[in-house]
């Protein structure tokens, strides 16, 4: 696969400005020869402006001249540092220090108790554990079940608070959508009662008022 930037735009420029064969251009740009032929015929990449690989620093003049002199020669691209920066970075599995691995069952139990909506796959990815371990903690079949207690993974230092909040939020949103799809209504929280406001003048009024039989025993009507 070609590592040059803007392969079609580069192919357009090479078609328009060099005597290279379709196969040479296709090999350099990572395209199919028929696609390069389509560019030459005007059927492909009509609206794409050509990009000069010499100016972009992806091809040397010597390489181009050598290829134009020999139709069997395949040009070697100069790997652009920008192309390296644009490559997706693959993150490896989460590593948990040995000293903290014994804390993971406690963190798993915390999820099981407090956030059952979070999927096992999410917990495994977040804590760097396995689904089998999560299942053993949940079913109390873990070898150390008697000593496992739910502890916040943030407190244990296994994950950051923002990262934990994001996982919990996504799991809650997903569950809410699934419940709505299945016709399950979310519980409605009762509105808080309004506080009774007593003004200072009312306090003075009741404090200075003489008690009456009606105020003490209430009206019989």
N, C-alpha and C. Protein backbone atom coordinates (compact mmCIF):
# COMPACT_ATOMS: atom_id res chain seq x y z
N UNK A 1 0.84 -1.21 0.00
CA UNK A 1 0.00 0.00 0.00
C UNK A 1 0.87 1.25 0.00
N UNK A 2 0.49 2.23 -0.82
CA UNK A 2 1.27 3.46 -0.92
C UNK A 2 1.17 4.26 0.36
N UNK A 3 2.29 4.90 0.74
CA UNK A 3 2.32 5.71 1.95
C UNK A 3 2.34 7.20 1.62
N UNK A 4 2.18 7.55 0.35
CA UNK A 4 2.22 8.96 -0.01
C UNK A 4 0.89 9.61 0.33
N UNK A 5 0.94 10.91 0.53
CA UNK A 5 -0.27 11.67 0.81
C UNK A 5 -0.99 12.00 -0.49
N UNK A 6 -2.29 12.07 -0.45
CA UNK A 6 -3.13 12.43 -1.59
C UNK A 6 -2.76 11.63 -2.85
N UNK A 7 -2.93 10.31 -2.84
CA UNK A 7 -2.51 9.49 -3.97
C UNK A 7 -3.19 9.84 -5.29
N UNK A 8 -4.50 10.12 -5.25
CA UNK A 8 -5.20 10.45 -6.51
C UNK A 8 -4.74 11.79 -7.07
N UNK A 9 -4.55 12.77 -6.18
CA UNK A 9 -4.09 14.09 -6.62
C UNK A 9 -2.68 13.97 -7.20
N UNK A 10 -1.86 13.11 -6.60
CA UNK A 10 -0.52 12.88 -7.12
C UNK A 10 -0.57 12.20 -8.48
N UNK A 11 -1.48 11.23 -8.61
CA UNK A 11 -1.64 10.53 -9.89
C UNK A 11 -2.08 11.50 -10.98
N UNK A 12 -2.95 12.42 -10.64
CA UNK A 12 -3.41 13.43 -11.61
C UNK A 12 -2.22 14.24 -12.13
N UNK A 13 -1.37 14.67 -11.22
CA UNK A 13 -0.20 15.48 -11.62
C UNK A 13 0.75 14.67 -12.49
N UNK A 14 1.00 13.43 -12.11
CA UNK A 14 1.93 12.59 -12.88
C UNK A 14 1.39 12.28 -14.27
N UNK A 15 0.08 12.09 -14.37
CA UNK A 15 -0.53 11.84 -15.69
C UNK A 15 -0.37 13.08 -16.58
N UNK A 16 -0.56 14.25 -15.98
CA UNK A 16 -0.56 15.48 -16.77
C UNK A 16 0.85 16.01 -17.06
N UNK A 17 1.82 15.66 -16.25
CA UNK A 17 3.14 16.32 -16.36
C UNK A 17 4.31 15.38 -16.64
N UNK A 18 4.07 14.08 -16.78
CA UNK A 18 5.19 13.16 -17.03
C UNK A 18 4.82 12.18 -18.15
N UNK A 19 5.83 11.42 -18.56
CA UNK A 19 5.61 10.39 -19.58
C UNK A 19 5.60 9.00 -18.96
N UNK A 20 5.33 8.91 -17.69
CA UNK A 20 5.28 7.63 -16.99
C UNK A 20 4.13 6.78 -17.51
N UNK A 21 4.28 5.48 -17.43
CA UNK A 21 3.20 4.57 -17.83
C UNK A 21 2.15 4.53 -16.73
N UNK A 22 0.98 4.02 -17.10
CA UNK A 22 -0.09 3.90 -16.12
C UNK A 22 0.33 2.96 -14.98
N UNK A 23 1.07 1.91 -15.34
CA UNK A 23 1.52 0.95 -14.33
C UNK A 23 2.49 1.59 -13.35
N UNK A 24 3.40 2.44 -13.86
CA UNK A 24 4.35 3.11 -12.97
C UNK A 24 3.64 4.06 -12.01
N UNK A 25 2.70 4.81 -12.56
CA UNK A 25 1.95 5.75 -11.71
C UNK A 25 1.11 5.00 -10.69
N UNK A 26 0.46 3.93 -11.14
CA UNK A 26 -0.38 3.13 -10.25
C UNK A 26 0.44 2.55 -9.11
N UNK A 27 1.63 2.04 -9.42
CA UNK A 27 2.49 1.45 -8.40
C UNK A 27 2.94 2.49 -7.40
N UNK A 28 3.29 3.67 -7.87
CA UNK A 28 3.78 4.72 -6.99
C UNK A 28 2.67 5.26 -6.09
N UNK A 29 1.46 5.39 -6.66
CA UNK A 29 0.35 6.00 -5.92
C UNK A 29 -0.52 4.98 -5.18
N UNK A 30 -0.27 3.70 -5.39
CA UNK A 30 -1.08 2.69 -4.72
C UNK A 30 -2.46 2.56 -5.32
N UNK A 31 -2.58 2.80 -6.62
CA UNK A 31 -3.86 2.71 -7.31
C UNK A 31 -3.83 1.56 -8.31
N UNK A 32 -4.99 1.26 -8.88
CA UNK A 32 -5.07 0.23 -9.92
C UNK A 32 -4.76 0.90 -11.25
N UNK A 33 -4.05 0.21 -12.16
CA UNK A 33 -3.75 0.80 -13.47
C UNK A 33 -4.98 1.28 -14.22
N UNK A 34 -6.10 0.58 -14.07
CA UNK A 34 -7.33 1.02 -14.75
C UNK A 34 -7.85 2.33 -14.16
N UNK A 35 -7.60 2.52 -12.88
CA UNK A 35 -8.01 3.77 -12.23
C UNK A 35 -7.16 4.93 -12.76
N UNK A 36 -5.87 4.66 -12.99
CA UNK A 36 -4.99 5.69 -13.57
C UNK A 36 -5.41 5.97 -15.01
N UNK A 37 -5.78 4.95 -15.74
CA UNK A 37 -6.26 5.15 -17.10
C UNK A 37 -7.53 6.00 -17.10
N UNK A 38 -8.38 5.76 -16.12
CA UNK A 38 -9.60 6.56 -16.00
C UNK A 38 -9.29 8.02 -15.73
N UNK A 39 -8.23 8.26 -14.95
CA UNK A 39 -7.80 9.65 -14.70
C UNK A 39 -7.34 10.30 -16.00
N UNK A 40 -6.58 9.53 -16.79
CA UNK A 40 -6.08 10.06 -18.07
C UNK A 40 -7.23 10.32 -19.05
N UNK A 41 -8.26 9.48 -19.00
CA UNK A 41 -9.41 9.64 -19.90
C UNK A 41 -10.40 10.70 -19.41
N UNK A 42 -10.20 11.17 -18.19
CA UNK A 42 -11.10 12.17 -17.64
C UNK A 42 -12.34 11.60 -16.99
N UNK A 43 -12.37 10.28 -16.78
CA UNK A 43 -13.53 9.65 -16.16
C UNK A 43 -13.40 9.56 -14.64
N UNK A 44 -12.19 9.70 -14.14
CA UNK A 44 -11.93 9.59 -12.70
C UNK A 44 -11.21 10.85 -12.21
N UNK A 45 -11.56 11.28 -11.01
CA UNK A 45 -10.88 12.42 -10.36
C UNK A 45 -10.94 13.69 -11.20
N UNK A 46 -12.10 13.96 -11.77
CA UNK A 46 -12.23 15.16 -12.62
C UNK A 46 -12.00 16.45 -11.83
N UNK A 47 -12.51 16.48 -10.62
CA UNK A 47 -12.47 17.72 -9.82
C UNK A 47 -11.26 17.78 -8.88
N UNK A 48 -10.36 16.81 -9.02
CA UNK A 48 -9.19 16.79 -8.12
C UNK A 48 -8.03 17.54 -8.77
N UNK A 49 -7.48 18.47 -8.02
CA UNK A 49 -6.34 19.24 -8.51
C UNK A 49 -5.06 18.46 -8.27
N UNK A 50 -4.19 18.42 -9.27
CA UNK A 50 -2.96 17.66 -9.17
C UNK A 50 -2.04 18.15 -8.08
N UNK A 51 -1.35 17.21 -7.42
CA UNK A 51 -0.40 17.54 -6.36
C UNK A 51 0.99 17.09 -6.80
N UNK A 52 1.92 18.02 -6.87
CA UNK A 52 3.28 17.73 -7.34
C UNK A 52 4.06 17.01 -6.24
N UNK A 53 4.42 15.73 -6.45
CA UNK A 53 5.17 15.00 -5.41
C UNK A 53 6.59 15.51 -5.24
N UNK A 54 7.12 16.22 -6.23
CA UNK A 54 8.46 16.81 -6.09
C UNK A 54 8.43 17.96 -5.10
N UNK A 55 7.40 18.78 -5.22
CA UNK A 55 7.25 19.92 -4.30
C UNK A 55 6.88 19.44 -2.90
N UNK A 56 6.07 18.38 -2.84
CA UNK A 56 5.64 17.85 -1.54
C UNK A 56 6.74 17.09 -0.82
N UNK A 57 7.85 16.86 -1.52
CA UNK A 57 8.95 16.14 -0.90
C UNK A 57 8.73 14.66 -0.80
N UNK A 58 7.89 14.10 -1.70
CA UNK A 58 7.63 12.66 -1.68
C UNK A 58 8.32 11.92 -2.83
N UNK A 59 8.97 12.68 -3.71
CA UNK A 59 9.66 12.08 -4.85
C UNK A 59 10.82 12.98 -5.26
N UNK A 60 11.93 12.35 -5.58
CA UNK A 60 13.09 13.13 -6.02
C UNK A 60 13.09 13.26 -7.54
N UNK A 61 13.74 14.28 -8.01
CA UNK A 61 13.85 14.49 -9.46
C UNK A 61 14.59 13.32 -10.11
N UNK A 62 15.60 12.80 -9.44
CA UNK A 62 16.38 11.68 -9.97
C UNK A 62 15.51 10.44 -10.17
N UNK A 63 14.64 10.18 -9.19
CA UNK A 63 13.75 9.02 -9.30
C UNK A 63 12.79 9.18 -10.48
N UNK A 64 12.26 10.38 -10.65
CA UNK A 64 11.33 10.63 -11.74
C UNK A 64 12.00 10.46 -13.09
N UNK A 65 13.19 11.03 -13.23
CA UNK A 65 13.90 10.93 -14.50
C UNK A 65 14.30 9.50 -14.81
N UNK A 66 14.67 8.75 -13.79
CA UNK A 66 15.05 7.35 -13.99
C UNK A 66 13.84 6.54 -14.46
N UNK A 67 12.68 6.83 -13.89
CA UNK A 67 11.47 6.10 -14.26
C UNK A 67 11.01 6.46 -15.67
N UNK A 68 11.15 7.72 -16.03
CA UNK A 68 10.74 8.13 -17.38
C UNK A 68 11.66 7.54 -18.45
N UNK A 69 12.90 7.25 -18.08
CA UNK A 69 13.85 6.66 -19.03
C UNK A 69 13.69 5.15 -19.15
N UNK A 70 13.06 4.53 -18.12
CA UNK A 70 12.90 3.08 -18.13
C UNK A 70 11.49 2.75 -17.64
N UNK A 71 10.65 2.25 -18.58
CA UNK A 71 9.25 1.99 -18.24
C UNK A 71 9.07 0.83 -17.27
N UNK A 72 10.12 0.04 -17.08
CA UNK A 72 10.02 -1.08 -16.13
C UNK A 72 10.45 -0.69 -14.72
N UNK A 73 10.97 0.51 -14.59
CA UNK A 73 11.46 0.96 -13.28
C UNK A 73 10.30 1.42 -12.42
N UNK A 74 10.34 1.07 -11.16
CA UNK A 74 9.30 1.49 -10.22
C UNK A 74 9.88 2.49 -9.23
N UNK A 75 9.29 3.64 -9.17
CA UNK A 75 9.81 4.72 -8.33
C UNK A 75 9.64 4.41 -6.85
N UNK A 76 10.57 4.88 -6.07
CA UNK A 76 10.53 4.71 -4.61
C UNK A 76 10.18 6.06 -3.99
N UNK A 77 9.12 6.06 -3.22
CA UNK A 77 8.67 7.30 -2.60
C UNK A 77 9.50 7.62 -1.37
N UNK A 78 9.61 8.91 -1.09
CA UNK A 78 10.23 9.37 0.15
C UNK A 78 9.12 9.42 1.19
N UNK A 79 9.29 8.67 2.27
CA UNK A 79 8.25 8.62 3.30
C UNK A 79 8.16 9.97 3.99
N UNK A 80 6.99 10.57 3.91
CA UNK A 80 6.80 11.89 4.51
C UNK A 80 6.57 11.76 6.01
N UNK A 81 7.16 12.67 6.75
CA UNK A 81 6.94 12.66 8.20
C UNK A 81 5.49 12.98 8.53
N UNK A 82 4.82 13.72 7.62
CA UNK A 82 3.41 14.03 7.84
C UNK A 82 2.56 12.77 7.71
N UNK A 83 2.96 11.89 6.77
CA UNK A 83 2.24 10.63 6.61
C UNK A 83 2.36 9.78 7.87
N UNK A 84 3.53 9.83 8.50
CA UNK A 84 3.72 9.07 9.73
C UNK A 84 2.85 9.61 10.84
N UNK A 85 2.72 10.94 10.89
CA UNK A 85 1.91 11.55 11.94
C UNK A 85 0.43 11.26 11.77
N UNK A 86 0.00 11.08 10.51
CA UNK A 86 -1.41 10.85 10.24
C UNK A 86 -1.82 9.40 10.45
N UNK A 87 -0.85 8.50 10.61
CA UNK A 87 -1.19 7.10 10.83
C UNK A 87 -1.88 6.95 12.18
N UNK A 88 -2.96 6.14 12.24
CA UNK A 88 -3.65 5.95 13.52
C UNK A 88 -2.75 5.23 14.51
N UNK A 89 -2.78 5.72 15.73
CA UNK A 89 -1.96 5.13 16.78
C UNK A 89 -2.75 4.00 17.44
N UNK A 90 -2.19 2.81 17.44
CA UNK A 90 -2.85 1.68 18.05
C UNK A 90 -2.43 1.58 19.50
N UNK A 91 -3.43 1.60 20.37
CA UNK A 91 -3.14 1.49 21.80
C UNK A 91 -3.17 0.02 22.21
N UNK A 92 -2.19 -0.36 22.98
CA UNK A 92 -2.12 -1.74 23.43
C UNK A 92 -3.06 -1.99 24.59
N UNK A 93 -3.12 -3.21 25.05
CA UNK A 93 -4.00 -3.52 26.19
C UNK A 93 -3.56 -2.75 27.42
N UNK A 94 -4.54 -2.41 28.24
CA UNK A 94 -4.26 -1.64 29.45
C UNK A 94 -3.37 -2.44 30.38
N UNK A 95 -2.29 -1.80 30.85
CA UNK A 95 -1.37 -2.47 31.76
C UNK A 95 -1.63 -2.00 33.18
N UNK A 96 -1.79 -2.95 34.06
CA UNK A 96 -1.99 -2.64 35.47
C UNK A 96 -0.78 -3.13 36.26
N UNK A 97 -0.15 -2.25 37.05
CA UNK A 97 1.00 -2.67 37.83
C UNK A 97 0.68 -3.89 38.70
N UNK A 98 1.69 -4.73 38.89
CA UNK A 98 1.49 -5.96 39.67
C UNK A 98 0.98 -5.64 41.06
N UNK A 99 1.46 -4.54 41.63
CA UNK A 99 1.06 -4.18 43.00
C UNK A 99 -0.41 -3.84 43.11
N UNK A 100 -1.04 -3.53 41.98
CA UNK A 100 -2.45 -3.13 42.03
C UNK A 100 -3.38 -4.18 41.44
N UNK A 101 -2.84 -5.24 40.88
CA UNK A 101 -3.69 -6.25 40.25
C UNK A 101 -4.62 -6.92 41.24
N UNK A 102 -4.18 -7.02 42.50
CA UNK A 102 -5.02 -7.64 43.50
C UNK A 102 -6.23 -6.77 43.85
N UNK A 103 -6.19 -5.50 43.43
CA UNK A 103 -7.30 -4.60 43.71
C UNK A 103 -8.41 -4.68 42.66
N UNK A 104 -8.11 -5.27 41.51
CA UNK A 104 -9.08 -5.29 40.43
C UNK A 104 -10.39 -6.00 40.80
N UNK A 105 -10.35 -7.15 41.50
CA UNK A 105 -11.62 -7.77 41.90
C UNK A 105 -12.51 -6.84 42.72
N UNK A 106 -11.89 -6.02 43.59
CA UNK A 106 -12.66 -5.06 44.37
C UNK A 106 -13.33 -4.03 43.46
N UNK A 107 -12.59 -3.57 42.45
CA UNK A 107 -13.15 -2.61 41.50
C UNK A 107 -14.26 -3.25 40.66
N UNK A 108 -14.07 -4.52 40.30
CA UNK A 108 -15.11 -5.22 39.55
C UNK A 108 -16.38 -5.34 40.37
N UNK A 109 -16.23 -5.69 41.64
CA UNK A 109 -17.40 -5.80 42.51
C UNK A 109 -18.11 -4.46 42.66
N UNK A 110 -17.34 -3.37 42.64
CA UNK A 110 -17.94 -2.04 42.73
C UNK A 110 -18.83 -1.78 41.51
N UNK A 111 -18.37 -2.18 40.34
CA UNK A 111 -19.19 -2.03 39.13
C UNK A 111 -20.43 -2.91 39.21
N UNK A 112 -20.25 -4.14 39.65
CA UNK A 112 -21.37 -5.08 39.73
C UNK A 112 -22.45 -4.56 40.67
N UNK A 113 -22.05 -3.98 41.78
CA UNK A 113 -23.00 -3.48 42.77
C UNK A 113 -23.63 -2.15 42.38
N UNK A 114 -22.81 -1.24 41.86
CA UNK A 114 -23.27 0.13 41.67
C UNK A 114 -23.66 0.48 40.23
N UNK A 115 -23.08 -0.19 39.27
CA UNK A 115 -23.37 0.14 37.87
C UNK A 115 -23.52 -1.13 37.03
N UNK A 116 -24.60 -1.88 37.27
CA UNK A 116 -24.82 -3.11 36.49
C UNK A 116 -25.07 -2.83 35.01
N UNK A 117 -25.37 -1.57 34.67
CA UNK A 117 -25.61 -1.24 33.26
C UNK A 117 -24.33 -1.21 32.43
N UNK A 118 -23.18 -1.14 33.08
CA UNK A 118 -21.91 -1.14 32.36
C UNK A 118 -21.60 -2.56 31.91
N UNK A 119 -21.38 -2.75 30.62
CA UNK A 119 -21.14 -4.07 30.06
C UNK A 119 -19.80 -4.64 30.53
N UNK A 120 -19.72 -5.96 30.54
CA UNK A 120 -18.49 -6.62 30.96
C UNK A 120 -17.32 -6.23 30.06
N UNK A 121 -17.60 -6.06 28.77
CA UNK A 121 -16.53 -5.68 27.84
C UNK A 121 -15.95 -4.33 28.20
N UNK A 122 -16.82 -3.40 28.64
CA UNK A 122 -16.34 -2.07 29.04
C UNK A 122 -15.51 -2.15 30.32
N UNK A 123 -15.97 -2.96 31.27
CA UNK A 123 -15.23 -3.11 32.53
C UNK A 123 -13.87 -3.74 32.26
N UNK A 124 -13.86 -4.77 31.40
CA UNK A 124 -12.61 -5.46 31.08
C UNK A 124 -11.60 -4.50 30.45
N UNK A 125 -12.08 -3.67 29.54
CA UNK A 125 -11.20 -2.72 28.86
C UNK A 125 -10.70 -1.65 29.82
N UNK A 126 -11.59 -1.19 30.68
CA UNK A 126 -11.25 -0.10 31.60
C UNK A 126 -10.25 -0.55 32.66
N UNK A 127 -10.44 -1.76 33.18
CA UNK A 127 -9.61 -2.23 34.28
C UNK A 127 -8.47 -3.14 33.84
N UNK A 128 -8.46 -3.52 32.56
CA UNK A 128 -7.41 -4.41 32.08
C UNK A 128 -7.56 -5.82 32.62
N UNK A 129 -8.81 -6.29 32.67
CA UNK A 129 -9.08 -7.63 33.18
C UNK A 129 -9.77 -8.45 32.11
N UNK A 130 -10.33 -9.60 32.48
CA UNK A 130 -10.99 -10.47 31.52
C UNK A 130 -12.46 -10.66 31.91
N UNK A 131 -13.25 -11.07 30.91
CA UNK A 131 -14.68 -11.32 31.17
C UNK A 131 -14.85 -12.49 32.13
N UNK A 132 -13.95 -13.46 32.05
CA UNK A 132 -14.04 -14.61 32.94
C UNK A 132 -13.85 -14.20 34.40
N UNK A 133 -12.91 -13.27 34.63
CA UNK A 133 -12.69 -12.79 36.00
C UNK A 133 -13.90 -12.02 36.49
N UNK A 134 -14.49 -11.20 35.63
CA UNK A 134 -15.67 -10.43 36.01
C UNK A 134 -16.81 -11.38 36.38
N UNK A 135 -16.99 -12.42 35.58
CA UNK A 135 -18.06 -13.38 35.84
C UNK A 135 -17.84 -14.12 37.15
N UNK A 136 -16.59 -14.45 37.45
CA UNK A 136 -16.29 -15.17 38.69
C UNK A 136 -16.53 -14.28 39.91
N UNK A 137 -16.25 -12.98 39.77
CA UNK A 137 -16.52 -12.05 40.88
C UNK A 137 -18.02 -11.90 41.07
N UNK A 138 -18.74 -11.79 39.97
CA UNK A 138 -20.19 -11.61 40.04
C UNK A 138 -20.87 -12.83 40.65
N UNK A 139 -20.42 -14.03 40.29
CA UNK A 139 -21.05 -15.26 40.76
C UNK A 139 -20.45 -15.79 42.06
N UNK A 140 -19.51 -15.05 42.61
CA UNK A 140 -18.85 -15.45 43.85
C UNK A 140 -18.11 -16.78 43.71
N UNK A 141 -17.55 -17.03 42.52
CA UNK A 141 -16.75 -18.23 42.31
C UNK A 141 -15.27 -17.90 42.25
N UNK A 142 -14.94 -16.63 42.44
CA UNK A 142 -13.54 -16.21 42.42
C UNK A 142 -12.81 -16.84 43.60
N UNK A 143 -11.55 -17.18 43.39
CA UNK A 143 -10.79 -17.88 44.43
C UNK A 143 -10.67 -17.08 45.71
N UNK A 144 -10.79 -15.73 45.60
CA UNK A 144 -10.64 -14.88 46.78
C UNK A 144 -11.95 -14.17 47.13
N UNK A 145 -13.06 -14.82 46.83
CA UNK A 145 -14.37 -14.18 47.00
C UNK A 145 -14.63 -13.69 48.42
N UNK A 146 -14.15 -14.43 49.40
CA UNK A 146 -14.44 -14.05 50.79
C UNK A 146 -13.80 -12.72 51.18
N UNK A 147 -12.76 -12.30 50.45
CA UNK A 147 -12.07 -11.06 50.79
C UNK A 147 -12.38 -9.90 49.83
N UNK A 148 -13.22 -10.17 48.83
CA UNK A 148 -13.52 -9.13 47.85
C UNK A 148 -14.61 -8.21 48.39
N UNK A 149 -14.35 -6.92 48.31
CA UNK A 149 -15.33 -5.92 48.74
C UNK A 149 -15.39 -4.81 47.68
N UNK A 150 -16.55 -4.22 47.44
CA UNK A 150 -16.66 -3.17 46.41
C UNK A 150 -15.91 -1.90 46.79
N UNK A 151 -14.97 -1.51 45.94
CA UNK A 151 -14.19 -0.29 46.17
C UNK A 151 -14.14 0.49 44.86
N UNK A 152 -14.36 1.79 44.94
CA UNK A 152 -14.31 2.67 43.78
C UNK A 152 -12.96 2.53 43.07
N UNK A 153 -12.96 2.21 41.76
CA UNK A 153 -11.69 2.06 41.04
C UNK A 153 -10.85 3.32 41.00
N UNK A 154 -11.50 4.48 41.15
CA UNK A 154 -10.74 5.73 41.19
C UNK A 154 -9.93 5.79 42.48
N UNK A 155 -10.57 5.38 43.57
CA UNK A 155 -9.88 5.34 44.86
C UNK A 155 -8.70 4.38 44.84
N UNK A 156 -8.86 3.29 44.09
CA UNK A 156 -7.79 2.30 44.00
C UNK A 156 -6.68 2.73 43.05
N UNK A 157 -6.92 3.81 42.29
CA UNK A 157 -5.90 4.29 41.37
C UNK A 157 -5.84 3.50 40.07
N UNK A 158 -6.91 2.76 39.76
CA UNK A 158 -6.92 1.95 38.54
C UNK A 158 -7.42 2.73 37.34
N UNK A 159 -8.11 3.83 37.58
CA UNK A 159 -8.69 4.61 36.48
C UNK A 159 -8.91 6.03 36.96
N UNK A 160 -8.96 6.98 36.02
CA UNK A 160 -9.21 8.37 36.38
C UNK A 160 -10.69 8.65 36.50
N UNK A 161 -11.04 9.70 37.24
CA UNK A 161 -12.44 10.02 37.48
C UNK A 161 -13.17 10.38 36.18
N UNK A 162 -12.53 11.18 35.33
CA UNK A 162 -13.16 11.58 34.07
C UNK A 162 -13.41 10.37 33.18
N UNK A 163 -12.45 9.46 33.14
CA UNK A 163 -12.60 8.25 32.33
C UNK A 163 -13.74 7.38 32.85
N UNK A 164 -13.83 7.25 34.16
CA UNK A 164 -14.90 6.47 34.77
C UNK A 164 -16.26 7.10 34.49
N UNK A 165 -16.35 8.41 34.66
CA UNK A 165 -17.62 9.11 34.42
C UNK A 165 -18.08 8.93 32.98
N UNK A 166 -17.13 8.95 32.04
CA UNK A 166 -17.49 8.80 30.63
C UNK A 166 -18.05 7.42 30.34
N UNK A 167 -17.44 6.39 30.91
CA UNK A 167 -17.91 5.02 30.71
C UNK A 167 -19.30 4.83 31.30
N UNK A 168 -19.51 5.33 32.50
CA UNK A 168 -20.80 5.20 33.17
C UNK A 168 -21.88 5.97 32.40
N UNK A 169 -21.53 7.15 31.91
CA UNK A 169 -22.51 7.96 31.17
C UNK A 169 -22.94 7.26 29.89
N UNK A 170 -21.97 6.72 29.15
CA UNK A 170 -22.30 6.04 27.90
C UNK A 170 -23.16 4.81 28.15
N UNK A 171 -22.84 4.07 29.22
CA UNK A 171 -23.62 2.88 29.54
C UNK A 171 -25.05 3.25 29.93
N UNK A 172 -25.19 4.35 30.69
CA UNK A 172 -26.53 4.79 31.09
C UNK A 172 -27.35 5.25 29.88
N UNK A 173 -26.71 5.98 28.97
CA UNK A 173 -27.41 6.43 27.77
C UNK A 173 -27.86 5.25 26.92
N UNK A 174 -27.00 4.26 26.79
CA UNK A 174 -27.34 3.08 26.00
C UNK A 174 -28.51 2.32 26.61
N UNK A 175 -28.49 2.18 27.94
CA UNK A 175 -29.58 1.48 28.62
C UNK A 175 -30.89 2.24 28.47
N UNK A 176 -30.82 3.57 28.57
CA UNK A 176 -32.03 4.38 28.43
C UNK A 176 -32.65 4.22 27.04
N UNK A 177 -31.79 4.16 26.01
CA UNK A 177 -32.28 3.98 24.64
C UNK A 177 -32.90 2.60 24.46
N UNK A 178 -32.27 1.59 25.05
CA UNK A 178 -32.81 0.24 24.94
C UNK A 178 -34.13 0.12 25.68
N UNK A 179 -34.23 0.75 26.85
CA UNK A 179 -35.48 0.71 27.61
C UNK A 179 -36.60 1.42 26.85
N UNK A 180 -36.26 2.56 26.23
CA UNK A 180 -37.26 3.30 25.47
C UNK A 180 -37.73 2.48 24.26
N UNK A 181 -36.79 1.76 23.64
CA UNK A 181 -37.13 0.93 22.49
C UNK A 181 -38.04 -0.23 22.89
N UNK A 182 -37.82 -0.75 24.10
CA UNK A 182 -38.62 -1.88 24.59
C UNK A 182 -39.87 -1.43 25.34
N UNK A 183 -40.11 -0.12 25.39
CA UNK A 183 -41.31 0.39 26.03
C UNK A 183 -41.24 0.42 27.54
N UNK A 184 -40.04 0.38 28.09
CA UNK A 184 -39.88 0.44 29.55
C UNK A 184 -39.73 1.89 29.96
N UNK A 185 -40.62 2.35 30.80
CA UNK A 185 -40.59 3.74 31.23
C UNK A 185 -39.61 3.93 32.37
N UNK A 186 -38.87 5.02 32.31
CA UNK A 186 -37.94 5.35 33.38
C UNK A 186 -38.72 5.91 34.57
N UNK A 187 -38.31 5.56 35.79
CA UNK A 187 -39.01 6.10 36.97
C UNK A 187 -38.92 7.62 37.03
N UNK A 188 -40.05 8.24 37.33
CA UNK A 188 -40.11 9.70 37.41
C UNK A 188 -39.88 10.12 38.85
N UNK A 189 -38.91 10.96 39.06
CA UNK A 189 -38.61 11.43 40.41
C UNK A 189 -39.64 12.46 40.84
N UNK A 190 -40.12 12.30 42.07
CA UNK A 190 -41.11 13.24 42.59
C UNK A 190 -40.48 14.60 42.80
N UNK A 191 -41.26 15.62 42.48
CA UNK A 191 -40.75 16.98 42.65
C UNK A 191 -40.60 17.28 44.13
N UNK A 192 -39.54 17.93 44.51
CA UNK A 192 -39.33 18.25 45.93
C UNK A 192 -40.39 19.21 46.43
N UNK A 193 -40.81 18.98 47.68
CA UNK A 193 -41.82 19.86 48.27
C UNK A 193 -41.24 21.25 48.49
N UNK A 194 -42.10 22.24 48.25
CA UNK A 194 -41.65 23.62 48.44
C UNK A 194 -41.53 23.91 49.93
N UNK A 195 -40.46 24.54 50.33
CA UNK A 195 -40.29 24.84 51.77
C UNK A 195 -41.30 25.89 52.23
N UNK A 196 -41.71 25.75 53.49
CA UNK A 196 -42.64 26.72 54.09
C UNK A 196 -41.84 27.93 54.55
N UNK A 197 -42.22 29.08 54.02
CA UNK A 197 -41.50 30.31 54.34
C UNK A 197 -42.26 31.06 55.43
N UNK A 198 -41.61 31.35 56.53
CA UNK A 198 -42.21 32.12 57.62
C UNK A 198 -41.47 33.44 57.72
N UNK A 199 -42.23 34.51 57.58
CA UNK A 199 -41.62 35.83 57.62
C UNK A 199 -41.44 36.28 59.06
N UNK A 200 -40.50 37.18 59.22
CA UNK A 200 -40.17 37.65 60.57
C UNK A 200 -41.36 38.31 61.26
N UNK A 201 -42.18 39.06 60.48
CA UNK A 201 -43.33 39.73 61.10
C UNK A 201 -44.36 38.73 61.60
N UNK A 202 -44.44 37.55 60.95
CA UNK A 202 -45.37 36.51 61.41
C UNK A 202 -44.91 35.93 62.73
N UNK A 203 -43.58 35.77 62.87
CA UNK A 203 -43.04 35.24 64.12
C UNK A 203 -43.36 36.18 65.27
N UNK A 204 -43.17 37.49 65.02
CA UNK A 204 -43.46 38.48 66.06
C UNK A 204 -44.93 38.49 66.41
N UNK A 205 -45.79 38.29 65.39
CA UNK A 205 -47.24 38.32 65.62
C UNK A 205 -47.66 37.17 66.52
N UNK A 206 -47.18 35.95 66.20
CA UNK A 206 -47.56 34.79 66.99
C UNK A 206 -46.93 34.82 68.37
N UNK A 207 -45.74 35.41 68.47
CA UNK A 207 -45.06 35.46 69.77
C UNK A 207 -45.77 36.38 70.74
N UNK A 208 -46.36 37.45 70.21
CA UNK A 208 -47.00 38.45 71.07
C UNK A 208 -48.49 38.20 71.25
N UNK A 209 -49.05 37.27 70.49
CA UNK A 209 -50.50 37.06 70.56
C UNK A 209 -50.85 36.29 71.83
N UNK A 210 -52.01 36.66 72.46
CA UNK A 210 -52.49 35.98 73.65
C UNK A 210 -53.16 34.68 73.23
N UNK A 211 -52.87 33.57 73.90
CA UNK A 211 -53.53 32.30 73.55
C UNK A 211 -55.01 32.34 73.88
N UNK A 212 -55.82 31.75 73.02
CA UNK A 212 -57.27 31.66 73.21
C UNK A 212 -57.65 30.19 73.21
N UNK A 213 -58.90 29.93 73.67
CA UNK A 213 -59.37 28.55 73.69
C UNK A 213 -59.40 27.98 72.27
N UNK A 214 -59.76 28.82 71.31
CA UNK A 214 -59.83 28.34 69.92
C UNK A 214 -58.46 28.02 69.36
N UNK A 215 -57.45 28.86 69.72
CA UNK A 215 -56.12 28.62 69.20
C UNK A 215 -55.48 27.40 69.83
N UNK A 216 -55.93 27.08 71.12
CA UNK A 216 -55.34 25.92 71.80
C UNK A 216 -56.04 24.64 71.43
N UNK A 217 -57.43 24.63 71.51
CA UNK A 217 -58.18 23.41 71.28
C UNK A 217 -58.73 23.27 69.87
N UNK A 218 -58.67 24.37 69.10
CA UNK A 218 -59.16 24.33 67.74
C UNK A 218 -60.66 24.60 67.71
N UNK A 219 -61.13 24.98 66.52
CA UNK A 219 -62.55 25.28 66.37
C UNK A 219 -63.35 23.98 66.28
N UNK A 220 -64.57 23.96 66.89
CA UNK A 220 -65.43 22.76 66.87
C UNK A 220 -66.33 22.75 65.66
N UNK A 221 -66.32 23.81 64.83
CA UNK A 221 -67.19 23.85 63.65
C UNK A 221 -66.61 22.96 62.57
